[in-house]
Amino acid sequence: MINKLLMFLLGILGFASCSSESEEEYGCPTADFRVMGKVTDDANNLMDSVKVKLICSDGPWDSTMTNAAGLYQLANENGSYRTDFKTVFEKKGYKSDTLNAFISEQDFVGGDGDGYKGLATKIVNAQLKENDK
């Protein structure tokens, strides 16, 4: 009988600790990210069809291609909070380039002061060089 009463009380305490407040307090923070920029060749010509990959510490995150104006944009809404990315630029006939895209706390705007950090926009421009012939 005491065991059943003890299990009942522990069960109630366990459910009470799983409120939405504790999830926000102990959950992973979220944020919106936008990484964008332009890609040129070594003569400053805008480059289209360059593959742009965003890689975070736990692996590849997203990729896209530059448009005819050499511009790209990668966006993620309500994703896991991250601050350190590598941006990889690749195109056949050109040397690939990897640039860091570090996002600082000051880059975030519009956070709620709780679990949502806000939106961070980072501009990363690249200049690719042709492969040696």
N, C-alpha and C. Protein backbone atom coordinates (compact mmCIF):
# COMPACT_ATOMS: atom_id res chain seq x y z
N MET A 1 0.82 -1.19 0.00
CA MET A 1 0.00 0.00 0.00
C MET A 1 0.87 1.26 0.00
N ILE A 2 1.91 1.25 0.82
CA ILE A 2 2.81 2.42 0.87
C ILE A 2 3.53 2.58 -0.46
N ASN A 3 3.90 1.44 -1.07
CA ASN A 3 4.57 1.52 -2.37
C ASN A 3 3.67 2.16 -3.41
N LYS A 4 2.38 1.81 -3.42
CA LYS A 4 1.44 2.39 -4.39
C LYS A 4 1.28 3.88 -4.14
N LEU A 5 1.17 4.28 -2.89
CA LEU A 5 1.02 5.69 -2.55
C LEU A 5 2.28 6.47 -2.95
N LEU A 6 3.43 5.90 -2.68
CA LEU A 6 4.68 6.53 -3.05
C LEU A 6 4.81 6.68 -4.57
N MET A 7 4.45 5.64 -5.32
CA MET A 7 4.50 5.71 -6.78
C MET A 7 3.53 6.75 -7.31
N PHE A 8 2.34 6.84 -6.70
CA PHE A 8 1.35 7.83 -7.11
C PHE A 8 1.89 9.25 -6.91
N LEU A 9 2.48 9.52 -5.74
CA LEU A 9 3.02 10.84 -5.45
C LEU A 9 4.20 11.19 -6.36
N LEU A 10 5.07 10.24 -6.60
CA LEU A 10 6.20 10.48 -7.51
C LEU A 10 5.72 10.74 -8.93
N GLY A 11 4.66 10.04 -9.33
CA GLY A 11 4.09 10.26 -10.65
C GLY A 11 3.53 11.66 -10.79
N ILE A 12 2.83 12.14 -9.77
CA ILE A 12 2.28 13.50 -9.80
C ILE A 12 3.40 14.53 -9.85
N LEU A 13 4.44 14.33 -9.06
CA LEU A 13 5.58 15.24 -9.08
C LEU A 13 6.26 15.25 -10.45
N GLY A 14 6.36 14.11 -11.07
CA GLY A 14 6.98 14.02 -12.39
C GLY A 14 6.20 14.79 -13.44
N PHE A 15 4.86 14.64 -13.44
CA PHE A 15 4.04 15.37 -14.41
C PHE A 15 4.05 16.86 -14.15
N ALA A 16 4.09 17.25 -12.90
CA ALA A 16 4.10 18.68 -12.57
C ALA A 16 5.38 19.35 -13.06
N SER A 17 6.47 18.60 -13.11
CA SER A 17 7.73 19.20 -13.54
C SER A 17 7.84 19.30 -15.05
N CYS A 18 6.91 18.76 -15.80
CA CYS A 18 6.96 18.78 -17.27
C CYS A 18 6.06 19.87 -17.85
N SER A 19 6.01 21.01 -17.24
CA SER A 19 5.19 22.10 -17.76
C SER A 19 5.89 22.77 -18.93
N SER A 20 5.19 23.61 -19.67
CA SER A 20 5.78 24.30 -20.80
C SER A 20 6.85 25.28 -20.34
N GLU A 21 6.76 25.79 -19.11
CA GLU A 21 7.77 26.69 -18.60
C GLU A 21 9.12 25.98 -18.50
N SER A 22 9.12 24.73 -18.02
CA SER A 22 10.39 24.03 -17.89
C SER A 22 10.97 23.68 -19.24
N GLU A 23 10.13 23.43 -20.27
CA GLU A 23 10.65 23.16 -21.60
C GLU A 23 11.35 24.39 -22.14
N GLU A 24 10.76 25.57 -21.94
CA GLU A 24 11.38 26.80 -22.42
C GLU A 24 12.65 27.11 -21.64
N GLU A 25 12.61 26.83 -20.35
CA GLU A 25 13.76 27.13 -19.51
C GLU A 25 14.93 26.22 -19.83
N TYR A 26 14.66 24.94 -20.09
CA TYR A 26 15.73 23.98 -20.27
C TYR A 26 15.87 23.50 -21.71
N GLY A 27 15.00 23.93 -22.60
CA GLY A 27 15.06 23.49 -23.99
C GLY A 27 16.20 24.15 -24.75
N CYS A 28 16.38 23.72 -25.97
CA CYS A 28 17.41 24.31 -26.82
C CYS A 28 16.90 25.62 -27.41
N PRO A 29 17.69 26.66 -27.38
CA PRO A 29 17.26 27.92 -27.97
C PRO A 29 17.13 27.78 -29.48
N THR A 30 16.24 28.55 -30.06
CA THR A 30 16.05 28.55 -31.50
C THR A 30 16.36 29.93 -32.06
N ALA A 31 16.56 29.98 -33.38
CA ALA A 31 16.86 31.24 -34.05
C ALA A 31 16.57 31.12 -35.53
N ASP A 32 16.42 32.25 -36.18
CA ASP A 32 16.30 32.31 -37.63
C ASP A 32 17.63 32.80 -38.18
N PHE A 33 18.07 32.19 -39.28
CA PHE A 33 19.34 32.55 -39.88
C PHE A 33 19.16 32.89 -41.35
N ARG A 34 19.95 33.83 -41.81
CA ARG A 34 20.01 34.14 -43.23
C ARG A 34 21.47 34.41 -43.57
N VAL A 35 22.04 33.59 -44.44
CA VAL A 35 23.40 33.79 -44.92
C VAL A 35 23.28 34.09 -46.40
N MET A 36 23.84 35.21 -46.83
CA MET A 36 23.69 35.64 -48.22
C MET A 36 24.94 36.37 -48.69
N GLY A 37 25.04 36.54 -50.00
CA GLY A 37 26.18 37.25 -50.53
C GLY A 37 26.28 37.10 -52.04
N LYS A 38 27.45 37.43 -52.55
CA LYS A 38 27.69 37.32 -53.99
C LYS A 38 29.01 36.61 -54.22
N VAL A 39 29.12 36.04 -55.42
CA VAL A 39 30.34 35.32 -55.79
C VAL A 39 30.84 35.91 -57.10
N THR A 40 32.12 36.23 -57.11
CA THR A 40 32.77 36.76 -58.32
C THR A 40 33.98 35.91 -58.66
N ASP A 41 34.47 36.08 -59.88
CA ASP A 41 35.73 35.43 -60.24
C ASP A 41 36.87 36.40 -59.95
N ASP A 42 38.11 36.01 -60.26
CA ASP A 42 39.25 36.86 -59.91
C ASP A 42 39.32 38.14 -60.74
N ALA A 43 38.45 38.28 -61.76
CA ALA A 43 38.35 39.53 -62.53
C ALA A 43 37.13 40.35 -62.09
N ASN A 44 36.53 39.98 -60.97
CA ASN A 44 35.35 40.63 -60.40
C ASN A 44 34.08 40.49 -61.24
N ASN A 45 34.03 39.47 -62.10
CA ASN A 45 32.80 39.18 -62.83
C ASN A 45 31.89 38.34 -61.95
N LEU A 46 30.61 38.68 -61.92
CA LEU A 46 29.65 37.91 -61.14
C LEU A 46 29.52 36.51 -61.72
N MET A 47 29.42 35.51 -60.86
CA MET A 47 29.39 34.11 -61.30
C MET A 47 28.05 33.47 -60.99
N ASP A 48 27.42 32.88 -62.01
CA ASP A 48 26.20 32.14 -61.77
C ASP A 48 26.51 30.65 -61.65
N SER A 49 25.57 29.90 -61.12
CA SER A 49 25.66 28.45 -60.97
C SER A 49 26.83 27.98 -60.11
N VAL A 50 27.18 28.77 -59.11
CA VAL A 50 28.18 28.34 -58.11
C VAL A 50 27.41 27.65 -57.00
N LYS A 51 27.85 26.47 -56.62
CA LYS A 51 27.22 25.76 -55.50
C LYS A 51 27.73 26.36 -54.20
N VAL A 52 26.79 26.72 -53.33
CA VAL A 52 27.13 27.29 -52.03
C VAL A 52 26.57 26.35 -50.96
N LYS A 53 27.47 25.84 -50.11
CA LYS A 53 27.06 24.94 -49.03
C LYS A 53 27.35 25.59 -47.70
N LEU A 54 26.41 25.45 -46.79
CA LEU A 54 26.59 25.93 -45.43
C LEU A 54 26.78 24.71 -44.54
N ILE A 55 27.87 24.70 -43.79
CA ILE A 55 28.21 23.56 -42.94
C ILE A 55 28.36 24.06 -41.51
N CYS A 56 27.70 23.37 -40.58
CA CYS A 56 27.85 23.71 -39.17
C CYS A 56 28.63 22.59 -38.48
N SER A 57 28.87 22.72 -37.20
CA SER A 57 29.73 21.78 -36.50
C SER A 57 29.23 20.35 -36.55
N ASP A 58 27.93 20.14 -36.70
CA ASP A 58 27.42 18.76 -36.74
C ASP A 58 27.15 18.27 -38.16
N GLY A 59 27.71 18.94 -39.17
CA GLY A 59 27.62 18.45 -40.53
C GLY A 59 26.97 19.43 -41.48
N PRO A 60 26.75 19.00 -42.73
CA PRO A 60 26.13 19.88 -43.73
C PRO A 60 24.76 20.37 -43.27
N TRP A 61 24.48 21.61 -43.59
CA TRP A 61 23.23 22.19 -43.14
C TRP A 61 22.30 22.48 -44.31
N ASP A 62 22.77 23.17 -45.34
CA ASP A 62 21.93 23.50 -46.47
C ASP A 62 22.82 23.90 -47.63
N SER A 63 22.24 23.92 -48.85
CA SER A 63 23.01 24.37 -50.01
C SER A 63 22.07 25.03 -51.01
N THR A 64 22.67 25.80 -51.91
CA THR A 64 21.93 26.47 -52.98
C THR A 64 22.90 26.78 -54.11
N MET A 65 22.40 27.40 -55.16
CA MET A 65 23.23 27.83 -56.29
C MET A 65 23.09 29.34 -56.44
N THR A 66 24.16 29.99 -56.92
CA THR A 66 24.05 31.41 -57.20
C THR A 66 23.19 31.61 -58.44
N ASN A 67 22.52 32.76 -58.51
CA ASN A 67 21.69 33.08 -59.67
C ASN A 67 22.53 33.79 -60.73
N ALA A 68 21.89 34.25 -61.79
CA ALA A 68 22.61 34.89 -62.90
C ALA A 68 23.35 36.15 -62.46
N ALA A 69 22.92 36.78 -61.38
CA ALA A 69 23.58 37.97 -60.85
C ALA A 69 24.67 37.63 -59.84
N GLY A 70 24.98 36.32 -59.68
CA GLY A 70 26.02 35.90 -58.76
C GLY A 70 25.61 35.93 -57.31
N LEU A 71 24.32 36.08 -57.04
CA LEU A 71 23.82 36.20 -55.67
C LEU A 71 23.28 34.87 -55.16
N TYR A 72 23.36 34.68 -53.86
CA TYR A 72 22.80 33.49 -53.22
C TYR A 72 22.20 33.89 -51.89
N GLN A 73 21.30 33.04 -51.39
CA GLN A 73 20.75 33.22 -50.05
C GLN A 73 20.33 31.88 -49.49
N LEU A 74 20.73 31.61 -48.28
CA LEU A 74 20.31 30.42 -47.54
C LEU A 74 19.61 30.91 -46.29
N ALA A 75 18.43 30.35 -46.02
CA ALA A 75 17.67 30.80 -44.85
C ALA A 75 17.12 29.59 -44.11
N ASN A 76 17.01 29.75 -42.81
CA ASN A 76 16.43 28.71 -41.96
C ASN A 76 15.59 29.40 -40.90
N GLU A 77 14.33 29.02 -40.83
CA GLU A 77 13.44 29.60 -39.83
C GLU A 77 13.26 28.65 -38.66
N ASN A 78 13.35 29.21 -37.47
CA ASN A 78 13.11 28.48 -36.23
C ASN A 78 14.00 27.24 -36.09
N GLY A 79 15.24 27.38 -36.50
CA GLY A 79 16.19 26.27 -36.39
C GLY A 79 16.93 26.31 -35.07
N SER A 80 17.77 25.34 -34.89
CA SER A 80 18.60 25.29 -33.69
C SER A 80 19.54 26.48 -33.67
N TYR A 81 19.79 27.00 -32.51
CA TYR A 81 20.68 28.14 -32.33
C TYR A 81 22.11 27.71 -32.59
N ARG A 82 22.72 28.35 -33.58
CA ARG A 82 24.12 28.08 -33.92
C ARG A 82 24.81 29.41 -34.17
N THR A 83 26.12 29.44 -34.00
CA THR A 83 26.85 30.69 -34.24
C THR A 83 28.04 30.51 -35.16
N ASP A 84 28.42 29.29 -35.47
CA ASP A 84 29.64 29.08 -36.25
C ASP A 84 29.35 28.21 -37.45
N PHE A 85 29.51 28.78 -38.64
CA PHE A 85 29.27 28.09 -39.89
C PHE A 85 30.49 28.22 -40.78
N LYS A 86 30.63 27.29 -41.69
CA LYS A 86 31.59 27.41 -42.78
C LYS A 86 30.77 27.47 -44.06
N THR A 87 31.14 28.38 -44.95
CA THR A 87 30.46 28.53 -46.23
C THR A 87 31.42 28.05 -47.31
N VAL A 88 30.98 27.04 -48.07
CA VAL A 88 31.84 26.44 -49.09
C VAL A 88 31.28 26.82 -50.47
N PHE A 89 32.16 27.30 -51.34
CA PHE A 89 31.80 27.72 -52.69
C PHE A 89 32.50 26.81 -53.68
N GLU A 90 31.74 26.21 -54.62
CA GLU A 90 32.32 25.26 -55.58
C GLU A 90 31.75 25.49 -56.98
N LYS A 91 32.64 25.44 -57.96
CA LYS A 91 32.22 25.46 -59.36
C LYS A 91 33.30 24.77 -60.18
N LYS A 92 32.86 23.94 -61.11
CA LYS A 92 33.80 23.21 -61.96
C LYS A 92 34.68 24.21 -62.71
N GLY A 93 35.98 23.93 -62.72
CA GLY A 93 36.94 24.80 -63.38
C GLY A 93 37.53 25.85 -62.46
N TYR A 94 37.06 25.91 -61.22
CA TYR A 94 37.53 26.90 -60.25
C TYR A 94 37.94 26.21 -58.95
N LYS A 95 38.88 26.83 -58.25
CA LYS A 95 39.28 26.32 -56.94
C LYS A 95 38.15 26.60 -55.96
N SER A 96 37.79 25.61 -55.17
CA SER A 96 36.76 25.84 -54.16
C SER A 96 37.31 26.75 -53.07
N ASP A 97 36.42 27.42 -52.39
CA ASP A 97 36.81 28.33 -51.33
C ASP A 97 35.92 28.07 -50.11
N THR A 98 36.51 28.09 -48.94
CA THR A 98 35.77 27.91 -47.69
C THR A 98 35.99 29.13 -46.82
N LEU A 99 34.89 29.76 -46.42
CA LEU A 99 34.97 30.95 -45.58
C LEU A 99 34.16 30.74 -44.31
N ASN A 100 34.66 31.27 -43.21
CA ASN A 100 33.93 31.19 -41.95
C ASN A 100 32.79 32.20 -41.96
N ALA A 101 31.69 31.84 -41.36
CA ALA A 101 30.54 32.74 -41.23
C ALA A 101 30.13 32.76 -39.76
N PHE A 102 30.97 33.35 -38.92
CA PHE A 102 30.69 33.40 -37.49
C PHE A 102 29.59 34.42 -37.21
N ILE A 103 28.59 34.03 -36.44
CA ILE A 103 27.50 34.91 -36.07
C ILE A 103 27.63 35.18 -34.58
N SER A 104 27.72 36.45 -34.21
CA SER A 104 27.87 36.81 -32.79
C SER A 104 26.49 37.09 -32.18
N GLU A 105 26.45 37.17 -30.88
CA GLU A 105 25.20 37.48 -30.17
C GLU A 105 24.61 38.80 -30.65
N GLN A 106 25.47 39.76 -31.00
CA GLN A 106 25.00 41.08 -31.44
C GLN A 106 24.35 41.04 -32.81
N ASP A 107 24.56 39.96 -33.58
CA ASP A 107 23.95 39.84 -34.91
C ASP A 107 22.47 39.49 -34.84
N PHE A 108 21.99 39.03 -33.70
CA PHE A 108 20.59 38.62 -33.56
C PHE A 108 19.72 39.81 -33.21
N VAL A 109 18.59 39.94 -33.92
CA VAL A 109 17.62 41.00 -33.64
C VAL A 109 16.24 40.37 -33.51
N GLY A 110 15.42 40.95 -32.66
CA GLY A 110 14.03 40.51 -32.53
C GLY A 110 13.81 39.31 -31.65
N GLY A 111 14.76 38.96 -30.82
CA GLY A 111 14.58 37.82 -29.92
C GLY A 111 13.56 38.13 -28.84
N ASP A 112 13.03 37.10 -28.22
CA ASP A 112 12.01 37.29 -27.20
C ASP A 112 12.59 37.27 -25.78
N GLY A 113 13.91 37.17 -25.66
CA GLY A 113 14.53 37.14 -24.34
C GLY A 113 14.35 35.83 -23.62
N ASP A 114 13.79 34.86 -24.32
CA ASP A 114 13.53 33.56 -23.71
C ASP A 114 14.27 32.52 -24.55
N GLY A 115 13.56 31.62 -25.18
CA GLY A 115 14.20 30.57 -25.96
C GLY A 115 14.47 30.94 -27.41
N TYR A 116 13.85 32.03 -27.91
CA TYR A 116 14.04 32.43 -29.30
C TYR A 116 15.04 33.58 -29.36
N LYS A 117 16.16 33.36 -30.06
CA LYS A 117 17.25 34.35 -30.11
C LYS A 117 16.98 35.48 -31.10
N GLY A 118 16.14 35.25 -32.13
CA GLY A 118 15.86 36.27 -33.12
C GLY A 118 16.40 35.88 -34.49
N LEU A 119 16.57 36.88 -35.35
CA LEU A 119 17.06 36.69 -36.71
C LEU A 119 18.48 37.23 -36.82
N ALA A 120 19.36 36.44 -37.40
CA ALA A 120 20.73 36.86 -37.66
C ALA A 120 20.98 36.78 -39.16
N THR A 121 21.48 37.87 -39.72
CA THR A 121 21.82 37.91 -41.14
C THR A 121 23.32 38.10 -41.26
N LYS A 122 23.94 37.26 -42.06
CA LYS A 122 25.38 37.34 -42.27
C LYS A 122 25.64 37.41 -43.77
N ILE A 123 26.45 38.36 -44.18
CA ILE A 123 26.82 38.50 -45.60
C ILE A 123 28.21 37.91 -45.78
N VAL A 124 28.30 36.94 -46.67
CA VAL A 124 29.58 36.28 -46.97
C VAL A 124 29.78 36.31 -48.48
N ASN A 125 30.72 37.14 -48.93
CA ASN A 125 31.05 37.24 -50.35
C ASN A 125 32.29 36.41 -50.63
N ALA A 126 32.35 35.84 -51.82
CA ALA A 126 33.51 35.01 -52.19
C ALA A 126 34.03 35.40 -53.56
N GLN A 127 35.31 35.15 -53.75
CA GLN A 127 35.94 35.36 -55.06
C GLN A 127 36.68 34.08 -55.39
N LEU A 128 36.25 33.43 -56.50
CA LEU A 128 36.86 32.17 -56.89
C LEU A 128 37.94 32.39 -57.95
N LYS A 129 38.97 31.60 -57.86
CA LYS A 129 40.07 31.65 -58.84
C LYS A 129 39.99 30.42 -59.74
N GLU A 130 40.32 30.64 -61.01
CA GLU A 130 40.32 29.52 -61.95
C GLU A 130 41.39 28.51 -61.57
N ASN A 131 41.12 27.24 -61.88
CA ASN A 131 42.13 26.20 -61.68
C ASN A 131 43.31 26.49 -62.58
N ASP A 132 44.49 26.11 -62.11
CA ASP A 132 45.69 26.26 -62.94
C ASP A 132 45.55 25.40 -64.17
N LYS A 133 45.92 25.95 -65.30
CA LYS A 133 45.80 25.19 -66.56
C LYS A 133 47.10 24.58 -66.96
